[in-house]
PDB file of all heavy atoms in Angstrom:
ATOM      1  N   GLN A   1      82.999  74.976  49.222  1.00  0.00           N
ATOM      2  CA  GLN A   1      81.835  74.381  49.755  1.00  0.00           C
ATOM      3  C   GLN A   1      80.668  75.365  49.865  1.00  0.00           C
ATOM      4  O   GLN A   1      80.892  76.491  50.020  1.00  0.00           O
ATOM      5  CB  GLN A   1      82.002  73.627  51.187  1.00  0.00           C
ATOM      6  CG  GLN A   1      83.225  72.724  51.084  1.00  0.00           C
ATOM      7  CD  GLN A   1      82.806  71.525  50.249  1.00  0.00           C
ATOM      8  OE1 GLN A   1      81.741  70.951  50.225  1.00  0.00           O
ATOM      9  NE2 GLN A   1      83.885  70.973  49.520  1.00  0.00           N
ATOM     10  N   HIS A   2      79.466  74.865  49.624  1.00  0.00           N
ATOM     11  CA  HIS A   2      78.348  75.864  49.606  1.00  0.00           C
ATOM     12  C   HIS A   2      77.911  75.923  51.209  1.00  0.00           C
ATOM     13  O   HIS A   2      77.222  75.128  51.723  1.00  0.00           O
ATOM     14  CB  HIS A   2      77.177  75.238  48.971  1.00  0.00           C
ATOM     15  CG  HIS A   2      75.936  76.141  48.890  1.00  0.00           C
ATOM     16  ND1 HIS A   2      75.900  77.248  48.010  1.00  0.00           N
ATOM     17  CD2 HIS A   2      74.752  76.159  49.506  1.00  0.00           C
ATOM     18  CE1 HIS A   2      74.743  77.875  48.229  1.00  0.00           C
ATOM     19  NE2 HIS A   2      74.103  77.238  49.134  1.00  0.00           N
ATOM     20  N   THR A   3      78.472  76.940  51.756  1.00  0.00           N
ATOM     21  CA  THR A   3      78.279  77.211  53.131  1.00  0.00           C
ATOM     22  C   THR A   3      77.950  78.654  53.448  1.00  0.00           C
ATOM     23  O   THR A   3      78.298  79.555  52.681  1.00  0.00           O
ATOM     24  CB  THR A   3      79.545  76.750  53.974  1.00  0.00           C
ATOM     25  OG1 THR A   3      79.297  76.865  55.513  1.00  0.00           O
ATOM     26  CG2 THR A   3      80.763  77.505  53.590  1.00  0.00           C
ATOM     27  N   LEU A   4      77.272  78.928  54.624  1.00  0.00           N
ATOM     28  CA  LEU A   4      76.674  80.258  54.804  1.00  0.00           C
ATOM     29  C   LEU A   4      77.744  81.392  54.941  1.00  0.00           C
ATOM     30  O   LEU A   4      78.975  81.066  55.393  1.00  0.00           O
ATOM     31  CB  LEU A   4      75.864  80.266  56.072  1.00  0.00           C
ATOM     32  CG  LEU A   4      74.423  79.525  55.966  1.00  0.00           C
ATOM     33  CD1 LEU A   4      73.783  79.455  57.306  1.00  0.00           C
ATOM     34  CD2 LEU A   4      73.535  80.233  54.894  1.00  0.00           C
ATOM     35  N   GLN A   5      77.358  82.559  54.633  1.00  0.00           N
ATOM     36  CA  GLN A   5      78.258  83.770  54.709  1.00  0.00           C
ATOM     37  C   GLN A   5      78.299  84.171  56.202  1.00  0.00           C
ATOM     38  O   GLN A   5      77.585  85.010  56.570  1.00  0.00           O
ATOM     39  CB  GLN A   5      77.724  84.838  53.843  1.00  0.00           C
ATOM     40  CG  GLN A   5      78.508  86.038  53.739  1.00  0.00           C
ATOM     41  CD  GLN A   5      79.693  86.009  52.860  1.00  0.00           C
ATOM     42  OE1 GLN A   5      80.017  84.937  52.481  1.00  0.00           O
ATOM     43  NE2 GLN A   5      80.185  87.127  52.423  1.00  0.00           N
ATOM     44  N   LEU A   6      79.243  83.630  56.901  1.00  0.00           N
ATOM     45  CA  LEU A   6      79.534  83.874  58.280  1.00  0.00           C
ATOM     46  C   LEU A   6      80.951  83.981  58.597  1.00  0.00           C
ATOM     47  O   LEU A   6      81.613  83.028  58.222  1.00  0.00           O
ATOM     48  CB  LEU A   6      78.857  82.864  59.200  1.00  0.00           C
ATOM     49  CG  LEU A   6      77.361  82.568  59.108  1.00  0.00           C
ATOM     50  CD1 LEU A   6      76.800  81.503  59.778  1.00  0.00           C
ATOM     51  CD2 LEU A   6      76.504  83.928  59.521  1.00  0.00           C
ATOM     52  N   ILE A   7      81.532  85.082  58.989  1.00  0.00           N
ATOM     53  CA  ILE A   7      82.971  85.426  58.945  1.00  0.00           C
ATOM     54  C   ILE A   7      83.718  84.714  59.958  1.00  0.00           C
ATOM     55  O   ILE A   7      84.894  84.343  59.652  1.00  0.00           O
ATOM     56  CB  ILE A   7      83.107  86.896  59.009  1.00  0.00           C
ATOM     57  CG1 ILE A   7      84.641  87.365  58.962  1.00  0.00           C
ATOM     58  CG2 ILE A   7      82.531  87.543  60.390  1.00  0.00           C
ATOM     59  CD1 ILE A   7      85.339  87.063  57.742  1.00  0.00           C
ATOM     60  N   GLU A   8      83.234  84.477  61.106  1.00  0.00           N
ATOM     61  CA  GLU A   8      84.217  84.100  62.214  1.00  0.00           C
ATOM     62  C   GLU A   8      85.038  82.894  61.934  1.00  0.00           C
ATOM     63  O   GLU A   8      86.306  82.917  62.240  1.00  0.00           O
ATOM     64  CB  GLU A   8      83.341  83.893  63.531  1.00  0.00           C
ATOM     65  CG  GLU A   8      84.268  83.780  64.665  1.00  0.00           C
ATOM     66  CD  GLU A   8      83.546  83.592  66.013  1.00  0.00           C
ATOM     67  OE1 GLU A   8      82.345  83.172  65.985  1.00  0.00           O
ATOM     68  OE2 GLU A   8      84.087  83.812  67.121  1.00  0.00           O
ATOM     69  N   PRO A   9      84.446  81.759  61.394  1.00  0.00           N
ATOM     70  CA  PRO A   9      85.400  80.649  61.259  1.00  0.00           C
ATOM     71  C   PRO A   9      86.445  80.881  60.226  1.00  0.00           C
ATOM     72  O   PRO A   9      87.492  80.199  60.203  1.00  0.00           O
ATOM     73  CB  PRO A   9      84.519  79.486  60.816  1.00  0.00           C
ATOM     74  CG  PRO A   9      83.069  80.028  61.134  1.00  0.00           C
ATOM     75  CD  PRO A   9      83.174  81.469  61.131  1.00  0.00           C
ATOM     76  N   TYR A  10      86.217  81.759  59.291  1.00  0.00           N
ATOM     77  CA  TYR A  10      87.002  82.030  58.088  1.00  0.00           C
ATOM     78  C   TYR A  10      87.992  83.267  58.215  1.00  0.00           C
ATOM     79  O   TYR A  10      88.689  83.593  57.265  1.00  0.00           O
ATOM     80  CB  TYR A  10      86.229  82.067  56.932  1.00  0.00           C
ATOM     81  CG  TYR A  10      85.316  80.899  56.773  1.00  0.00           C
ATOM     82  CD1 TYR A  10      83.907  80.965  56.858  1.00  0.00           C
ATOM     83  CD2 TYR A  10      85.790  79.569  56.610  1.00  0.00           C
ATOM     84  CE1 TYR A  10      83.077  79.903  56.854  1.00  0.00           C
ATOM     85  CE2 TYR A  10      84.937  78.495  56.499  1.00  0.00           C
ATOM     86  CZ  TYR A  10      83.495  78.717  56.718  1.00  0.00           C
ATOM     87  OH  TYR A  10      82.807  77.611  56.599  1.00  0.00           O
ATOM     88  N   PHE A  11      88.001  84.016  59.371  1.00  0.00           N
ATOM     89  CA  PHE A  11      88.616  85.200  59.361  1.00  0.00           C
ATOM     90  C   PHE A  11      90.188  84.936  59.278  1.00  0.00           C
ATOM     91  O   PHE A  11      90.919  85.733  58.581  1.00  0.00           O
ATOM     92  CB  PHE A  11      88.397  85.851  60.757  1.00  0.00           C
ATOM     93  CG  PHE A  11      89.302  87.145  61.015  1.00  0.00           C
ATOM     94  CD1 PHE A  11      88.792  88.350  60.279  1.00  0.00           C
ATOM     95  CD2 PHE A  11      90.267  87.245  61.740  1.00  0.00           C
ATOM     96  CE1 PHE A  11      89.509  89.486  60.442  1.00  0.00           C
ATOM     97  CE2 PHE A  11      90.943  88.458  61.928  1.00  0.00           C
ATOM     98  CZ  PHE A  11      90.614  89.537  61.252  1.00  0.00           C
ATOM     99  N   PRO A  12      90.830  83.926  59.849  1.00  0.00           N
ATOM    100  CA  PRO A  12      92.300  83.614  59.627  1.00  0.00           C
ATOM    101  C   PRO A  12      92.506  83.444  58.229  1.00  0.00           C
ATOM    102  O   PRO A  12      93.616  83.933  57.784  1.00  0.00           O
ATOM    103  CB  PRO A  12      92.394  82.277  60.501  1.00  0.00           C
ATOM    104  CG  PRO A  12      91.464  82.186  61.523  1.00  0.00           C
ATOM    105  CD  PRO A  12      90.224  82.817  60.857  1.00  0.00           C
ATOM    106  N   ALA A  13      91.618  82.915  57.273  1.00  0.00           N
ATOM    107  CA  ALA A  13      91.903  82.772  55.906  1.00  0.00           C
ATOM    108  C   ALA A  13      91.919  84.126  55.330  1.00  0.00           C
ATOM    109  O   ALA A  13      92.677  84.360  54.345  1.00  0.00           O
ATOM    110  CB  ALA A  13      90.727  81.826  55.331  1.00  0.00           C
ATOM    111  N   MET A  14      91.133  84.896  55.790  1.00  0.00           N
ATOM    112  CA  MET A  14      91.199  86.340  55.280  1.00  0.00           C
ATOM    113  C   MET A  14      92.483  87.083  55.378  1.00  0.00           C
ATOM    114  O   MET A  14      93.044  87.709  54.434  1.00  0.00           O
ATOM    115  CB  MET A  14      90.094  87.279  55.886  1.00  0.00           C
ATOM    116  CG  MET A  14      89.846  88.519  55.290  1.00  0.00           C
ATOM    117  SD  MET A  14      88.528  89.574  56.118  1.00  0.00           S
ATOM    118  CE  MET A  14      88.082  90.643  54.815  1.00  0.00           C
ATOM    119  N   LEU A  15      93.092  86.902  56.555  1.00  0.00           N
ATOM    120  CA  LEU A  15      94.455  87.499  56.863  1.00  0.00           C
ATOM    121  C   LEU A  15      95.431  86.737  55.978  1.00  0.00           C
ATOM    122  O   LEU A  15      96.382  87.511  55.385  1.00  0.00           O
ATOM    123  CB  LEU A  15      94.837  87.326  58.294  1.00  0.00           C
ATOM    124  CG  LEU A  15      93.798  88.179  59.338  1.00  0.00           C
ATOM    125  CD1 LEU A  15      94.618  87.895  60.749  1.00  0.00           C
ATOM    126  CD2 LEU A  15      93.902  89.603  58.923  1.00  0.00           C
ATOM    127  N   LYS A  16      95.381  85.445  55.805  1.00  0.00           N
ATOM    128  CA  LYS A  16      96.413  84.744  54.964  1.00  0.00           C
ATOM    129  C   LYS A  16      96.326  85.250  53.595  1.00  0.00           C
ATOM    130  O   LYS A  16      97.248  85.434  52.878  1.00  0.00           O
ATOM    131  CB  LYS A  16      96.038  83.355  55.167  1.00  0.00           C
ATOM    132  CG  LYS A  16      97.103  82.319  54.276  1.00  0.00           C
ATOM    133  CD  LYS A  16      96.765  80.931  54.625  1.00  0.00           C
ATOM    134  CE  LYS A  16      97.723  79.965  54.101  1.00  0.00           C
ATOM    135  NZ  LYS A  16      97.660  79.857  52.485  1.00  0.00           N
ATOM    136  N   MET A  17      95.091  85.397  52.955  1.00  0.00           N
ATOM    137  CA  MET A  17      94.913  85.850  51.760  1.00  0.00           C
ATOM    138  C   MET A  17      95.462  87.258  51.566  1.00  0.00           C
ATOM    139  O   MET A  17      96.032  87.581  50.413  1.00  0.00           O
ATOM    140  CB  MET A  17      93.419  85.795  51.296  1.00  0.00           C
ATOM    141  CG  MET A  17      92.837  84.427  51.064  1.00  0.00           C
ATOM    142  SD  MET A  17      91.139  84.538  50.468  1.00  0.00           S
ATOM    143  CE  MET A  17      90.534  82.957  50.930  1.00  0.00           C
ATOM    144  N   ALA A  18      95.210  88.124  52.535  1.00  0.00           N
ATOM    145  CA  ALA A  18      95.692  89.458  52.406  1.00  0.00           C
ATOM    146  C   ALA A  18      97.151  89.613  52.275  1.00  0.00           C
ATOM    147  O   ALA A  18      97.620  90.491  51.601  1.00  0.00           O
ATOM    148  CB  ALA A  18      95.142  90.371  53.638  1.00  0.00           C
ATOM    149  N   LYS A  19      97.822  88.701  52.977  1.00  0.00           N
ATOM    150  CA  LYS A  19      99.331  88.663  52.959  1.00  0.00           C
ATOM    151  C   LYS A  19      99.748  88.078  51.504  1.00  0.00           C
ATOM    152  O   LYS A  19     100.593  88.612  50.938  1.00  0.00           O
ATOM    153  CB  LYS A  19      99.831  87.848  54.005  1.00  0.00           C
ATOM    154  CG  LYS A  19     101.392  87.863  54.015  1.00  0.00           C
ATOM    155  CD  LYS A  19     101.941  87.096  55.262  1.00  0.00           C
ATOM    156  CE  LYS A  19     103.469  87.239  55.270  1.00  0.00           C
ATOM    157  NZ  LYS A  19     104.080  86.639  56.536  1.00  0.00           N
ATOM    158  N   GLU A  20      99.147  87.090  50.989  1.00  0.00           N
ATOM    159  CA  GLU A  20      99.508  86.460  49.790  1.00  0.00           C
ATOM    160  C   GLU A  20      99.043  87.346  48.588  1.00  0.00           C
ATOM    161  O   GLU A  20      99.769  87.312  47.552  1.00  0.00           O
ATOM    162  CB  GLU A  20      98.889  85.021  49.585  1.00  0.00           C
ATOM    163  CG  GLU A  20      99.463  84.032  50.734  1.00  0.00           C
ATOM    164  CD  GLU A  20      99.058  82.639  50.439  1.00  0.00           C
ATOM    165  OE1 GLU A  20      98.277  82.328  49.523  1.00  0.00           O
ATOM    166  OE2 GLU A  20      99.457  81.788  51.288  1.00  0.00           O
ATOM    167  N   LEU A  21      97.918  88.057  48.814  1.00  0.00           N
ATOM    168  CA  LEU A  21      97.534  88.917  47.657  1.00  0.00           C
ATOM    169  C   LEU A  21      97.772  90.392  48.144  1.00  0.00           C
ATOM    170  O   LEU A  21      96.907  91.185  48.278  1.00  0.00           O
ATOM    171  CB  LEU A  21      96.021  88.801  47.380  1.00  0.00           C
ATOM    172  CG  LEU A  21      95.668  87.389  46.830  1.00  0.00           C
ATOM    173  CD1 LEU A  21      94.154  87.113  46.892  1.00  0.00           C
ATOM    174  CD2 LEU A  21      96.211  87.079  45.481  1.00  0.00           C
ATOM    175  N   ASN A  22      99.050  90.764  48.351  1.00  0.00           N
ATOM    176  CA  ASN A  22      99.251  92.049  49.088  1.00  0.00           C
ATOM    177  C   ASN A  22      99.243  93.136  48.201  1.00  0.00           C
ATOM    178  O   ASN A  22      99.379  94.208  48.743  1.00  0.00           O
ATOM    179  CB  ASN A  22     100.700  91.927  49.742  1.00  0.00           C
ATOM    180  CG  ASN A  22     101.802  91.622  48.756  1.00  0.00           C
ATOM    181  OD1 ASN A  22     101.633  91.764  47.493  1.00  0.00           O
ATOM    182  ND2 ASN A  22     102.897  91.230  49.163  1.00  0.00           N
ATOM    183  N   GLN A  23      98.785  93.090  46.988  1.00  0.00           N
ATOM    184  CA  GLN A  23      98.549  94.184  46.190  1.00  0.00           C
ATOM    185  C   GLN A  23      96.999  94.525  46.183  1.00  0.00           C
ATOM    186  O   GLN A  23      96.551  95.409  45.554  1.00  0.00           O
ATOM    187  CB  GLN A  23      98.905  93.936  44.691  1.00  0.00           C
ATOM    188  CG  GLN A  23     100.393  93.820  44.429  1.00  0.00           C
ATOM    189  CD  GLN A  23     100.799  93.573  43.080  1.00  0.00           C
ATOM    190  OE1 GLN A  23     100.420  94.232  42.104  1.00  0.00           O
ATOM    191  NE2 GLN A  23     101.534  92.532  42.794  1.00  0.00           N
ATOM    192  N   PHE A  24      96.214  93.737  46.918  1.00  0.00           N
ATOM    193  CA  PHE A  24      94.743  93.770  46.960  1.00  0.00           C
ATOM    194  C   PHE A  24      94.397  94.180  48.460  1.00  0.00           C
ATOM    195  O   PHE A  24      95.072  93.784  49.342  1.00  0.00           O
ATOM    196  CB  PHE A  24      94.050  92.477  46.574  1.00  0.00           C
ATOM    197  CG  PHE A  24      94.240  92.277  45.052  1.00  0.00           C
ATOM    198  CD1 PHE A  24      95.440  91.612  44.643  1.00  0.00           C
ATOM    199  CD2 PHE A  24      93.309  92.540  44.138  1.00  0.00           C
ATOM    200  CE1 PHE A  24      95.595  91.245  43.208  1.00  0.00           C
ATOM    201  CE2 PHE A  24      93.355  92.322  42.869  1.00  0.00           C
ATOM    202  CZ  PHE A  24      94.545  91.596  42.296  1.00  0.00           C
ATOM    203  N   THR A  25      93.139  94.706  48.509  1.00  0.00           N
ATOM    204  CA  THR A  25      92.431  94.733  49.748  1.00  0.00           C
ATOM    205  C   THR A  25      91.359  93.774  49.729  1.00  0.00           C
ATOM    206  O   THR A  25      90.444  93.739  48.814  1.00  0.00           O
ATOM    207  CB  THR A  25      91.829  96.146  49.950  1.00  0.00           C
ATOM    208  OG1 THR A  25      92.950  97.165  50.016  1.00  0.00           O
ATOM    209  CG2 THR A  25      90.929  96.394  51.241  1.00  0.00           C
ATOM    210  N   LEU A  26      91.360  92.887  50.777  1.00  0.00           N
ATOM    211  CA  LEU A  26      90.264  91.874  50.869  1.00  0.00           C
ATOM    212  C   LEU A  26      89.040  92.503  51.504  1.00  0.00           C
ATOM    213  O   LEU A  26      89.191  93.332  52.410  1.00  0.00           O
ATOM    214  CB  LEU A  26      90.755  90.809  51.694  1.00  0.00           C
ATOM    215  CG  LEU A  26      91.485  89.505  51.034  1.00  0.00           C
ATOM    216  CD1 LEU A  26      90.547  88.696  50.239  1.00  0.00           C
ATOM    217  CD2 LEU A  26      92.653  90.042  50.213  1.00  0.00           C
ATOM    218  N   PHE A  27      87.816  92.078  51.146  1.00  0.00           N
ATOM    219  CA  PHE A  27      86.757  92.542  51.982  1.00  0.00           C
ATOM    220  C   PHE A  27      85.726  91.552  52.026  1.00  0.00           C
ATOM    221  O   PHE A  27      85.431  90.589  51.210  1.00  0.00           O
ATOM    222  CB  PHE A  27      86.105  93.904  51.352  1.00  0.00           C
ATOM    223  CG  PHE A  27      85.851  93.939  49.945  1.00  0.00           C
ATOM    224  CD1 PHE A  27      84.548  93.816  49.370  1.00  0.00           C
ATOM    225  CD2 PHE A  27      86.945  94.218  48.962  1.00  0.00           C
ATOM    226  CE1 PHE A  27      84.257  94.012  47.975  1.00  0.00           C
ATOM    227  CE2 PHE A  27      86.616  94.325  47.615  1.00  0.00           C
ATOM    228  CZ  PHE A  27      85.418  94.139  47.168  1.00  0.00           C
ATOM    229  N   TYR A  28      84.991  91.701  53.101  1.00  0.00           N
ATOM    230  CA  TYR A  28      83.885  90.813  53.614  1.00  0.00           C
ATOM    231  C   TYR A  28      82.667  91.535  53.788  1.00  0.00           C
ATOM    232  O   TYR A  28      82.545  92.509  54.520  1.00  0.00           O
ATOM    233  CB  TYR A  28      84.184  90.034  54.755  1.00  0.00           C
ATOM    234  CG  TYR A  28      83.057  89.257  55.343  1.00  0.00           C
ATOM    235  CD1 TYR A  28      82.711  87.962  54.909  1.00  0.00           C
ATOM    236  CD2 TYR A  28      82.279  89.728  56.439  1.00  0.00           C
ATOM    237  CE1 TYR A  28      81.670  87.247  55.425  1.00  0.00           C
ATOM    238  CE2 TYR A  28      81.193  89.007  57.006  1.00  0.00           C
ATOM    239  CZ  TYR A  28      80.887  87.914  56.531  1.00  0.00           C
ATOM    240  OH  TYR A  28      79.807  87.211  56.936  1.00  0.00           O
ATOM    241  N   ASN A  29      81.502  91.124  53.052  1.00  0.00           N
ATOM    242  CA  ASN A  29      80.268  91.671  53.345  1.00  0.00           C
ATOM    243  C   ASN A  29      79.339  90.804  54.014  1.00  0.00           C
ATOM    244  O   ASN A  29      79.175  89.568  53.584  1.00  0.00           O
ATOM    245  CB  ASN A  29      79.510  92.012  51.990  1.00  0.00           C
ATOM    246  CG  ASN A  29      80.319  93.168  51.228  1.00  0.00           C
ATOM    247  OD1 ASN A  29      80.748  94.084  51.828  1.00  0.00           O
ATOM    248  ND2 ASN A  29      80.385  92.933  49.861  1.00  0.00           N
ATOM    249  N   GLY A  30      78.895  91.123  55.190  1.00  0.00           N
ATOM    250  CA  GLY A  30      77.947  90.291  55.933  1.00  0.00           C
ATOM    251  C   GLY A  30      76.630  90.026  55.102  1.00  0.00           C
ATOM    252  O   GLY A  30      76.287  90.653  54.198  1.00  0.00           O
ATOM    253  N   PRO A  31      75.993  88.918  55.603  1.00  0.00           N
ATOM    254  CA  PRO A  31      74.778  88.519  54.941  1.00  0.00           C
ATOM    255  C   PRO A  31      73.531  89.551  54.792  1.00  0.00           C
ATOM    256  O   PRO A  31      72.728  89.436  53.875  1.00  0.00           O
ATOM    257  CB  PRO A  31      74.128  87.362  55.697  1.00  0.00           C
ATOM    258  CG  PRO A  31      74.849  87.358  56.980  1.00  0.00           C
ATOM    259  CD  PRO A  31      76.239  88.078  56.764  1.00  0.00           C
ATOM    260  N   LYS A  32      73.734  90.507  55.774  1.00  0.00           N
ATOM    261  CA  LYS A  32      72.777  91.666  55.745  1.00  0.00           C
ATOM    262  C   LYS A  32      73.526  92.923  55.582  1.00  0.00           C
ATOM    263  O   LYS A  32      73.008  94.059  55.965  1.00  0.00           O
ATOM    264  CB  LYS A  32      71.830  91.691  56.812  1.00  0.00           C
ATOM    265  CG  LYS A  32      70.860  90.598  57.011  1.00  0.00           C
ATOM    266  CD  LYS A  32      69.892  90.685  58.199  1.00  0.00           C
ATOM    267  CE  LYS A  32      68.903  89.573  58.355  1.00  0.00           C
ATOM    268  NZ  LYS A  32      67.996  89.911  59.556  1.00  0.00           N
ATOM    269  N   CYS A  33      74.648  92.891  54.979  1.00  0.00           N
ATOM    270  CA  CYS A  33      75.570  94.060  54.766  1.00  0.00           C
ATOM    271  C   CYS A  33      76.120  94.135  53.473  1.00  0.00           C
ATOM    272  O   CYS A  33      77.360  94.438  53.334  1.00  0.00           O
ATOM    273  CB  CYS A  33      76.616  94.083  55.964  1.00  0.00           C
ATOM    274  SG  CYS A  33      75.944  94.184  57.665  1.00  0.00           S
ATOM    275  N   GLY A  34      75.296  93.785  52.510  1.00  0.00           N
ATOM    276  CA  GLY A  34      75.931  94.016  51.073  1.00  0.00           C
ATOM    277  C   GLY A  34      76.174  92.693  50.350  1.00  0.00           C
ATOM    278  O   GLY A  34      76.457  92.776  49.055  1.00  0.00           O
ATOM    279  N   ALA A  35      76.117  91.632  50.975  1.00  0.00           N
ATOM    280  CA  ALA A  35      76.491  90.424  50.282  1.00  0.00           C
ATOM    281  C   ALA A  35      75.184  89.994  49.410  1.00  0.00           C
ATOM    282  O   ALA A  35      74.198  89.873  49.817  1.00  0.00           O
ATOM    283  CB  ALA A  35      76.782  89.191  51.212  1.00  0.00           C
ATOM    284  N   SER A  36      75.577  89.705  48.148  1.00  0.00           N
ATOM    285  CA  SER A  36      74.451  89.367  47.140  1.00  0.00           C
ATOM    286  C   SER A  36      74.381  87.883  46.962  1.00  0.00           C
ATOM    287  O   SER A  36      73.398  87.387  46.470  1.00  0.00           O
ATOM    288  CB  SER A  36      74.713  90.085  45.714  1.00  0.00           C
ATOM    289  OG  SER A  36      76.015  89.729  45.254  1.00  0.00           O
ATOM    290  N   ALA A  37      75.296  87.143  47.736  1.00  0.00           N
ATOM    291  CA  ALA A  37      75.118  85.661  47.852  1.00  0.00           C
ATOM    292  C   ALA A  37      75.373  85.389  49.341  1.00  0.00           C
ATOM    293  O   ALA A  37      76.439  84.730  49.657  1.00  0.00           O
ATOM    294  CB  ALA A  37      76.185  84.927  46.963  1.00  0.00           C
ATOM    295  N   PRO A  38      74.301  85.665  50.123  1.00  0.00           N
ATOM    296  CA  PRO A  38      74.561  85.308  51.594  1.00  0.00           C
ATOM    297  C   PRO A  38      74.456  83.850  51.944  1.00  0.00           C
ATOM    298  O   PRO A  38      74.764  83.469  53.058  1.00  0.00           O
ATOM    299  CB  PRO A  38      73.354  85.995  52.257  1.00  0.00           C
ATOM    300  CG  PRO A  38      72.341  86.153  51.186  1.00  0.00           C
ATOM    301  CD  PRO A  38      73.034  86.277  49.889  1.00  0.00           C
TER     302      PRO A  38
END
């Protein structure tokens, strides 16, 4: 969905992905911290 770059509601999904994609490091850029699509 086209929804704003705000981490708090989606942090659990980040952990779930980190476990499922365990060869990768997941990262989140805040809307004023490097995100080119805030």
